[in-house]
């Protein structure tokens, strides 16, 4: 299943693995237990 979501807390509660895609390229990927919020937040915006 693919989930497209900007709420990192929600994603962490339902996902096993995280990919961040920016302009069609994977810019961050990690097991959900090892995700570093500060690294992901720079790509999330509203």
Protein backbone atom coordinates (compact mmCIF):
# COMPACT_ATOMS: atom_id res chain seq x y z
CA UNK A 1 0.00 0.00 0.00
CA UNK A 2 1.16 3.54 -0.71
CA UNK A 3 0.20 6.38 1.62
CA UNK A 4 0.74 9.99 0.64
CA UNK A 5 0.65 12.09 3.80
CA UNK A 6 2.33 15.13 5.36
CA UNK A 7 1.47 14.36 8.99
CA UNK A 8 4.62 12.59 10.15
CA UNK A 9 3.15 11.50 13.51
CA UNK A 10 0.28 9.76 11.71
CA UNK A 11 2.64 8.14 9.21
CA UNK A 12 4.78 6.81 12.06
CA UNK A 13 1.71 5.20 13.62
CA UNK A 14 0.72 3.23 10.50
CA UNK A 15 3.83 2.72 8.34
CA UNK A 16 6.74 0.30 8.48
CA UNK A 17 9.01 2.18 6.09
CA UNK A 18 9.20 5.80 4.92
CA UNK A 19 10.17 7.28 1.58
CA UNK A 20 10.24 11.02 0.94
CA UNK A 21 9.96 11.89 -2.74
CA UNK A 22 10.84 15.39 -3.95
CA UNK A 23 10.36 16.34 -7.60
CA UNK A 24 10.20 12.66 -8.59
CA UNK A 25 13.34 11.54 -6.75
CA UNK A 26 13.64 9.66 -3.47
CA UNK A 27 15.45 12.09 -1.17
CA UNK A 28 15.05 10.16 2.11
CA UNK A 29 14.25 6.57 3.07
CA UNK A 30 14.44 4.65 6.32
CA UNK A 31 12.70 2.13 8.57
CA UNK A 32 9.97 3.96 10.44
CA UNK A 33 11.67 3.19 13.77
CA UNK A 34 14.84 4.95 12.62
CA UNK A 35 13.28 8.03 11.00
CA UNK A 36 14.90 11.28 12.10
CA UNK A 37 12.14 13.88 12.23
CA UNK A 38 14.41 16.85 11.58
CA UNK A 39 15.65 15.26 8.34
CA UNK A 40 12.11 14.65 7.10
CA UNK A 41 10.60 17.99 8.19
CA UNK A 42 12.71 19.96 5.75
CA UNK A 43 10.79 18.28 2.90
CA UNK A 44 7.30 18.65 4.38
CA UNK A 45 5.36 21.82 3.74
CA UNK A 46 1.80 22.94 3.28
